[in-house]
Amino acid sequence: MLGARLTAGAGGLMNCSVGLLYVLPESLVRRPLQPGQVSAVALIESVGPSWTILFAISGVVLLAAAIRRRGFIRAHNLAVFVWALYGGAVLFSAALTEPPAPIITGVIGFFVALMHGCISRGCAERGLR
């Protein structure tokens, strides 16, 4: 149980940190695009503070699971959704920009989503609901 709690807590802190970064100056979050180009990440963010809200909510849900000792599966599944959406937006944007943008952040996002999915599966197998 301690490992599940520590993992959820660390994931929660990570997601809250990423959400906080999206409140800080844009230069800390992304490199400037060429004039006339827009990224899917920025487009989603133009609706409102989408990334801040998504990452913060998933981070708080993960932290709550760690504290309450339940809700691990739902918390990690929410993190899967957020990280997969983020990774997909980064990769989609990288494919459409000219010159192509680096894809490392999108790949990391997808693998973080995969890890949360694996952790969720492990929690289910161990009966940690």
N, C-alpha and C. Protein backbone atom coordinates (compact mmCIF):
# COMPACT_ATOMS: atom_id res chain seq x y z
N MET A 1 0.82 -1.19 0.00
CA MET A 1 0.00 0.00 0.00
C MET A 1 0.87 1.26 0.00
N LEU A 2 2.00 1.22 0.69
CA LEU A 2 2.86 2.39 0.75
C LEU A 2 3.37 2.76 -0.64
N GLY A 3 3.75 1.74 -1.42
CA GLY A 3 4.23 2.02 -2.78
C GLY A 3 3.17 2.68 -3.63
N ALA A 4 1.93 2.23 -3.53
CA ALA A 4 0.84 2.83 -4.30
C ALA A 4 0.60 4.27 -3.86
N ARG A 5 0.68 4.51 -2.57
CA ARG A 5 0.47 5.86 -2.05
C ARG A 5 1.61 6.79 -2.49
N LEU A 6 2.84 6.31 -2.41
CA LEU A 6 3.98 7.13 -2.83
C LEU A 6 3.92 7.43 -4.33
N THR A 7 3.55 6.43 -5.12
CA THR A 7 3.45 6.63 -6.57
C THR A 7 2.36 7.64 -6.90
N ALA A 8 1.21 7.51 -6.27
CA ALA A 8 0.13 8.46 -6.51
C ALA A 8 0.53 9.86 -6.05
N GLY A 9 1.21 9.94 -4.92
CA GLY A 9 1.66 11.24 -4.42
C GLY A 9 2.67 11.89 -5.34
N ALA A 10 3.64 11.12 -5.80
CA ALA A 10 4.65 11.66 -6.72
C ALA A 10 4.01 12.09 -8.03
N GLY A 11 3.10 11.27 -8.55
CA GLY A 11 2.38 11.63 -9.78
C GLY A 11 1.54 12.88 -9.59
N GLY A 12 0.92 12.99 -8.43
CA GLY A 12 0.11 14.16 -8.14
C GLY A 12 0.95 15.43 -8.08
N LEU A 13 2.10 15.34 -7.43
CA LEU A 13 2.99 16.50 -7.37
C LEU A 13 3.50 16.88 -8.76
N MET A 14 3.79 15.87 -9.57
CA MET A 14 4.25 16.13 -10.93
C MET A 14 3.16 16.85 -11.73
N ASN A 15 1.93 16.35 -11.68
CA ASN A 15 0.85 16.96 -12.45
C ASN A 15 0.56 18.37 -11.96
N CYS A 16 0.55 18.58 -10.65
CA CYS A 16 0.32 19.92 -10.11
C CYS A 16 1.44 20.87 -10.54
N SER A 17 2.67 20.39 -10.58
CA SER A 17 3.80 21.21 -11.03
C SER A 17 3.65 21.62 -12.48
N VAL A 18 3.26 20.69 -13.33
CA VAL A 18 3.06 21.01 -14.75
C VAL A 18 1.92 22.02 -14.89
N GLY A 19 0.85 21.81 -14.14
CA GLY A 19 -0.26 22.77 -14.17
C GLY A 19 0.19 24.16 -13.74
N LEU A 20 1.03 24.22 -12.71
CA LEU A 20 1.55 25.50 -12.24
C LEU A 20 2.43 26.17 -13.29
N LEU A 21 3.22 25.39 -14.00
CA LEU A 21 4.08 25.96 -15.04
C LEU A 21 3.28 26.68 -16.11
N TYR A 22 2.07 26.21 -16.39
CA TYR A 22 1.25 26.86 -17.41
C TYR A 22 0.67 28.19 -16.95
N VAL A 23 0.83 28.53 -15.68
CA VAL A 23 0.42 29.84 -15.18
C VAL A 23 1.57 30.84 -15.31
N LEU A 24 2.79 30.33 -15.34
CA LEU A 24 3.99 31.17 -15.40
C LEU A 24 4.21 31.69 -16.82
N PRO A 25 5.20 32.55 -17.02
CA PRO A 25 5.45 33.12 -18.36
C PRO A 25 5.62 32.04 -19.43
N GLU A 26 5.14 32.36 -20.61
CA GLU A 26 5.13 31.41 -21.72
C GLU A 26 6.54 30.94 -22.10
N SER A 27 7.54 31.75 -21.86
CA SER A 27 8.91 31.36 -22.22
C SER A 27 9.38 30.15 -21.41
N LEU A 28 8.77 29.88 -20.27
CA LEU A 28 9.13 28.71 -19.47
C LEU A 28 8.43 27.45 -19.95
N VAL A 29 7.44 27.60 -20.83
CA VAL A 29 6.60 26.46 -21.23
C VAL A 29 6.89 25.99 -22.65
N ARG A 30 7.08 26.89 -23.58
CA ARG A 30 7.23 26.49 -24.99
C ARG A 30 8.15 27.45 -25.72
N ARG A 31 8.69 26.93 -26.81
CA ARG A 31 9.50 27.80 -27.66
C ARG A 31 8.57 28.55 -28.61
N PRO A 32 8.94 29.75 -29.02
CA PRO A 32 8.08 30.51 -29.92
C PRO A 32 7.99 29.83 -31.29
N LEU A 33 6.81 29.86 -31.88
CA LEU A 33 6.61 29.30 -33.21
C LEU A 33 6.88 30.37 -34.26
N GLN A 34 7.01 29.94 -35.49
CA GLN A 34 7.17 30.86 -36.60
C GLN A 34 5.89 31.69 -36.73
N PRO A 35 5.99 32.92 -37.25
CA PRO A 35 4.79 33.74 -37.42
C PRO A 35 3.74 33.01 -38.26
N GLY A 36 2.51 33.09 -37.81
CA GLY A 36 1.40 32.46 -38.54
C GLY A 36 1.13 31.02 -38.15
N GLN A 37 1.98 30.43 -37.33
CA GLN A 37 1.77 29.04 -36.91
C GLN A 37 1.15 29.01 -35.51
N VAL A 38 0.32 28.02 -35.30
CA VAL A 38 -0.28 27.83 -33.98
C VAL A 38 -0.18 26.35 -33.63
N SER A 39 0.04 26.07 -32.37
CA SER A 39 0.13 24.67 -31.97
C SER A 39 -1.19 24.22 -31.38
N ALA A 40 -1.43 22.92 -31.41
CA ALA A 40 -2.65 22.37 -30.82
C ALA A 40 -2.66 22.61 -29.31
N VAL A 41 -1.49 22.58 -28.70
CA VAL A 41 -1.39 22.83 -27.26
C VAL A 41 -1.85 24.26 -26.96
N ALA A 42 -1.37 25.23 -27.73
CA ALA A 42 -1.76 26.62 -27.53
C ALA A 42 -3.23 26.84 -27.92
N LEU A 43 -3.70 26.14 -28.94
CA LEU A 43 -5.10 26.26 -29.36
C LEU A 43 -6.03 25.77 -28.25
N ILE A 44 -5.71 24.65 -27.64
CA ILE A 44 -6.51 24.13 -26.52
C ILE A 44 -6.45 25.11 -25.36
N GLU A 45 -5.29 25.69 -25.14
CA GLU A 45 -5.11 26.64 -24.04
C GLU A 45 -5.85 27.95 -24.31
N SER A 46 -6.10 28.28 -25.58
CA SER A 46 -6.80 29.52 -25.90
C SER A 46 -8.25 29.51 -25.43
N VAL A 47 -8.81 28.34 -25.20
CA VAL A 47 -10.17 28.22 -24.69
C VAL A 47 -10.24 28.74 -23.26
N GLY A 48 -9.16 28.66 -22.57
CA GLY A 48 -9.05 29.06 -21.17
C GLY A 48 -7.82 28.40 -20.61
N PRO A 49 -7.65 28.45 -19.32
CA PRO A 49 -6.46 27.82 -18.73
C PRO A 49 -6.61 26.29 -18.69
N SER A 50 -6.83 25.70 -19.85
CA SER A 50 -7.15 24.27 -19.96
C SER A 50 -6.09 23.37 -19.35
N TRP A 51 -4.83 23.61 -19.73
CA TRP A 51 -3.77 22.73 -19.23
C TRP A 51 -3.58 22.89 -17.73
N THR A 52 -3.67 24.12 -17.26
CA THR A 52 -3.56 24.35 -15.82
C THR A 52 -4.65 23.58 -15.09
N ILE A 53 -5.87 23.69 -15.56
CA ILE A 53 -7.01 23.03 -14.92
C ILE A 53 -6.88 21.51 -15.00
N LEU A 54 -6.59 21.00 -16.20
CA LEU A 54 -6.50 19.54 -16.36
C LEU A 54 -5.39 18.92 -15.51
N PHE A 55 -4.21 19.52 -15.57
CA PHE A 55 -3.10 18.96 -14.80
C PHE A 55 -3.32 19.14 -13.30
N ALA A 56 -3.84 20.30 -12.90
CA ALA A 56 -4.07 20.53 -11.47
C ALA A 56 -5.14 19.59 -10.92
N ILE A 57 -6.23 19.42 -11.63
CA ILE A 57 -7.29 18.51 -11.15
C ILE A 57 -6.77 17.09 -11.05
N SER A 58 -6.08 16.63 -12.09
CA SER A 58 -5.57 15.26 -12.04
C SER A 58 -4.52 15.11 -10.93
N GLY A 59 -3.73 16.15 -10.70
CA GLY A 59 -2.75 16.11 -9.62
C GLY A 59 -3.41 16.05 -8.25
N VAL A 60 -4.43 16.85 -8.06
CA VAL A 60 -5.14 16.85 -6.78
C VAL A 60 -5.85 15.52 -6.55
N VAL A 61 -6.42 14.94 -7.61
CA VAL A 61 -7.09 13.65 -7.47
C VAL A 61 -6.07 12.56 -7.10
N LEU A 62 -4.89 12.60 -7.70
CA LEU A 62 -3.84 11.65 -7.34
C LEU A 62 -3.38 11.85 -5.90
N LEU A 63 -3.21 13.09 -5.49
CA LEU A 63 -2.81 13.36 -4.11
C LEU A 63 -3.90 12.92 -3.12
N ALA A 64 -5.15 13.13 -3.49
CA ALA A 64 -6.26 12.70 -2.63
C ALA A 64 -6.28 11.18 -2.50
N ALA A 65 -6.00 10.47 -3.59
CA ALA A 65 -5.95 9.01 -3.52
C ALA A 65 -4.84 8.55 -2.58
N ALA A 66 -3.71 9.23 -2.64
CA ALA A 66 -2.59 8.88 -1.76
C ALA A 66 -2.94 9.11 -0.30
N ILE A 67 -3.64 10.19 -0.03
CA ILE A 67 -4.00 10.52 1.35
C ILE A 67 -5.14 9.63 1.86
N ARG A 68 -6.17 9.43 1.03
CA ARG A 68 -7.35 8.66 1.45
C ARG A 68 -7.16 7.15 1.38
N ARG A 69 -6.09 6.72 0.68
CA ARG A 69 -5.79 5.30 0.51
C ARG A 69 -6.85 4.56 -0.32
N ARG A 70 -7.52 5.29 -1.15
CA ARG A 70 -8.47 4.68 -2.09
C ARG A 70 -8.67 5.64 -3.26
N GLY A 71 -9.20 5.11 -4.35
CA GLY A 71 -9.40 5.92 -5.54
C GLY A 71 -8.21 5.91 -6.47
N PHE A 72 -7.30 4.95 -6.28
CA PHE A 72 -6.08 4.90 -7.10
C PHE A 72 -6.39 4.68 -8.58
N ILE A 73 -7.29 3.77 -8.87
CA ILE A 73 -7.57 3.42 -10.27
C ILE A 73 -8.14 4.62 -11.01
N ARG A 74 -9.15 5.25 -10.43
CA ARG A 74 -9.75 6.43 -11.09
C ARG A 74 -8.72 7.56 -11.24
N ALA A 75 -7.92 7.77 -10.22
CA ALA A 75 -6.93 8.85 -10.26
C ALA A 75 -5.91 8.61 -11.37
N HIS A 76 -5.40 7.40 -11.45
CA HIS A 76 -4.41 7.11 -12.50
C HIS A 76 -5.05 7.12 -13.88
N ASN A 77 -6.29 6.68 -13.99
CA ASN A 77 -6.97 6.73 -15.29
C ASN A 77 -7.20 8.17 -15.74
N LEU A 78 -7.50 9.06 -14.80
CA LEU A 78 -7.62 10.47 -15.15
C LEU A 78 -6.27 11.01 -15.63
N ALA A 79 -5.20 10.61 -14.97
CA ALA A 79 -3.86 11.03 -15.40
C ALA A 79 -3.53 10.49 -16.79
N VAL A 80 -3.98 9.27 -17.09
CA VAL A 80 -3.79 8.70 -18.44
C VAL A 80 -4.44 9.63 -19.46
N PHE A 81 -5.67 10.01 -19.21
CA PHE A 81 -6.40 10.88 -20.15
C PHE A 81 -5.65 12.20 -20.36
N VAL A 82 -5.26 12.85 -19.27
CA VAL A 82 -4.62 14.17 -19.36
C VAL A 82 -3.29 14.08 -20.11
N TRP A 83 -2.45 13.10 -19.73
CA TRP A 83 -1.14 12.99 -20.37
C TRP A 83 -1.25 12.53 -21.82
N ALA A 84 -2.19 11.67 -22.14
CA ALA A 84 -2.37 11.24 -23.54
C ALA A 84 -2.87 12.40 -24.39
N LEU A 85 -3.79 13.19 -23.85
CA LEU A 85 -4.28 14.36 -24.58
C LEU A 85 -3.14 15.35 -24.81
N TYR A 86 -2.35 15.58 -23.78
CA TYR A 86 -1.23 16.52 -23.89
C TYR A 86 -0.19 15.99 -24.89
N GLY A 87 0.20 14.73 -24.75
CA GLY A 87 1.18 14.15 -25.67
C GLY A 87 0.69 14.17 -27.11
N GLY A 88 -0.59 13.84 -27.29
CA GLY A 88 -1.17 13.87 -28.64
C GLY A 88 -1.18 15.27 -29.23
N ALA A 89 -1.52 16.27 -28.41
CA ALA A 89 -1.52 17.65 -28.89
C ALA A 89 -0.12 18.11 -29.29
N VAL A 90 0.87 17.73 -28.49
CA VAL A 90 2.25 18.10 -28.81
C VAL A 90 2.69 17.43 -30.11
N LEU A 91 2.42 16.14 -30.25
CA LEU A 91 2.84 15.42 -31.46
C LEU A 91 2.10 15.92 -32.70
N PHE A 92 0.81 16.19 -32.55
CA PHE A 92 0.02 16.72 -33.67
C PHE A 92 0.59 18.06 -34.11
N SER A 93 0.90 18.91 -33.15
CA SER A 93 1.47 20.22 -33.46
C SER A 93 2.83 20.10 -34.13
N ALA A 94 3.64 19.18 -33.64
CA ALA A 94 4.98 19.00 -34.20
C ALA A 94 4.90 18.57 -35.66
N ALA A 95 3.93 17.76 -35.98
CA ALA A 95 3.78 17.28 -37.35
C ALA A 95 3.33 18.38 -38.30
N LEU A 96 2.60 19.37 -37.79
CA LEU A 96 2.05 20.42 -38.66
C LEU A 96 2.92 21.66 -38.77
N THR A 97 3.89 21.83 -37.88
CA THR A 97 4.70 23.04 -37.94
C THR A 97 5.82 22.89 -38.96
N GLU A 98 6.26 24.03 -39.46
CA GLU A 98 7.34 24.04 -40.44
C GLU A 98 8.38 25.05 -40.00
N PRO A 99 9.58 24.72 -39.69
CA PRO A 99 10.11 23.36 -39.69
C PRO A 99 9.48 22.56 -38.56
N PRO A 100 9.50 21.24 -38.68
CA PRO A 100 8.89 20.41 -37.65
C PRO A 100 9.47 20.70 -36.27
N ALA A 101 8.58 20.75 -35.29
CA ALA A 101 9.00 21.02 -33.92
C ALA A 101 9.52 19.73 -33.30
N PRO A 102 10.33 19.84 -32.26
CA PRO A 102 10.80 18.63 -31.56
C PRO A 102 9.63 17.85 -30.98
N ILE A 103 9.75 16.54 -30.99
CA ILE A 103 8.65 15.69 -30.54
C ILE A 103 8.90 15.05 -29.18
N ILE A 104 10.03 15.36 -28.56
CA ILE A 104 10.39 14.66 -27.33
C ILE A 104 9.33 14.85 -26.23
N THR A 105 8.78 16.05 -26.10
CA THR A 105 7.78 16.28 -25.06
C THR A 105 6.53 15.45 -25.31
N GLY A 106 6.12 15.32 -26.56
CA GLY A 106 4.96 14.49 -26.88
C GLY A 106 5.20 13.02 -26.59
N VAL A 107 6.39 12.55 -26.91
CA VAL A 107 6.73 11.15 -26.63
C VAL A 107 6.76 10.91 -25.12
N ILE A 108 7.36 11.84 -24.38
CA ILE A 108 7.36 11.71 -22.92
C ILE A 108 5.94 11.70 -22.38
N GLY A 109 5.09 12.58 -22.90
CA GLY A 109 3.69 12.63 -22.48
C GLY A 109 2.99 11.30 -22.68
N PHE A 110 3.20 10.67 -23.84
CA PHE A 110 2.56 9.38 -24.11
C PHE A 110 3.10 8.29 -23.18
N PHE A 111 4.38 8.30 -22.89
CA PHE A 111 4.92 7.28 -22.00
C PHE A 111 4.52 7.50 -20.55
N VAL A 112 4.34 8.75 -20.14
CA VAL A 112 3.81 9.02 -18.80
C VAL A 112 2.38 8.49 -18.72
N ALA A 113 1.60 8.71 -19.78
CA ALA A 113 0.24 8.17 -19.83
C ALA A 113 0.26 6.65 -19.74
N LEU A 114 1.17 6.02 -20.48
CA LEU A 114 1.28 4.57 -20.44
C LEU A 114 1.65 4.09 -19.04
N MET A 115 2.58 4.77 -18.39
CA MET A 115 2.97 4.37 -17.03
C MET A 115 1.79 4.49 -16.06
N HIS A 116 1.01 5.56 -16.17
CA HIS A 116 -0.16 5.69 -15.31
C HIS A 116 -1.16 4.57 -15.59
N GLY A 117 -1.31 4.20 -16.85
CA GLY A 117 -2.19 3.08 -17.19
C GLY A 117 -1.69 1.78 -16.58
N CYS A 118 -0.39 1.56 -16.62
CA CYS A 118 0.18 0.34 -16.02
C CYS A 118 0.02 0.35 -14.50
N ILE A 119 0.21 1.50 -13.90
CA ILE A 119 0.03 1.61 -12.45
C ILE A 119 -1.42 1.35 -12.08
N SER A 120 -2.35 1.89 -12.86
CA SER A 120 -3.77 1.65 -12.62
C SER A 120 -4.09 0.17 -12.69
N ARG A 121 -3.55 -0.50 -13.69
CA ARG A 121 -3.75 -1.95 -13.84
C ARG A 121 -3.17 -2.70 -12.65
N GLY A 122 -1.98 -2.32 -12.21
CA GLY A 122 -1.36 -2.95 -11.06
C GLY A 122 -2.18 -2.75 -9.79
N CYS A 123 -2.74 -1.56 -9.63
CA CYS A 123 -3.59 -1.30 -8.46
C CYS A 123 -4.84 -2.19 -8.51
N ALA A 124 -5.40 -2.35 -9.69
CA ALA A 124 -6.59 -3.20 -9.83
C ALA A 124 -6.27 -4.65 -9.48
N GLU A 125 -5.12 -5.14 -9.94
CA GLU A 125 -4.72 -6.51 -9.65
C GLU A 125 -4.47 -6.75 -8.16
N ARG A 126 -4.05 -5.71 -7.46
CA ARG A 126 -3.75 -5.83 -6.04
C ARG A 126 -4.96 -5.50 -5.16
N GLY A 127 -6.07 -5.16 -5.81
CA GLY A 127 -7.29 -4.85 -5.05
C GLY A 127 -7.29 -3.48 -4.41
N LEU A 128 -6.44 -2.58 -4.90
CA LEU A 128 -6.40 -1.21 -4.37
C LEU A 128 -7.37 -0.36 -5.19
N ARG A 129 -8.55 -0.30 -4.78
CA ARG A 129 -9.57 0.45 -5.53
C ARG A 129 -9.47 1.88 -5.15
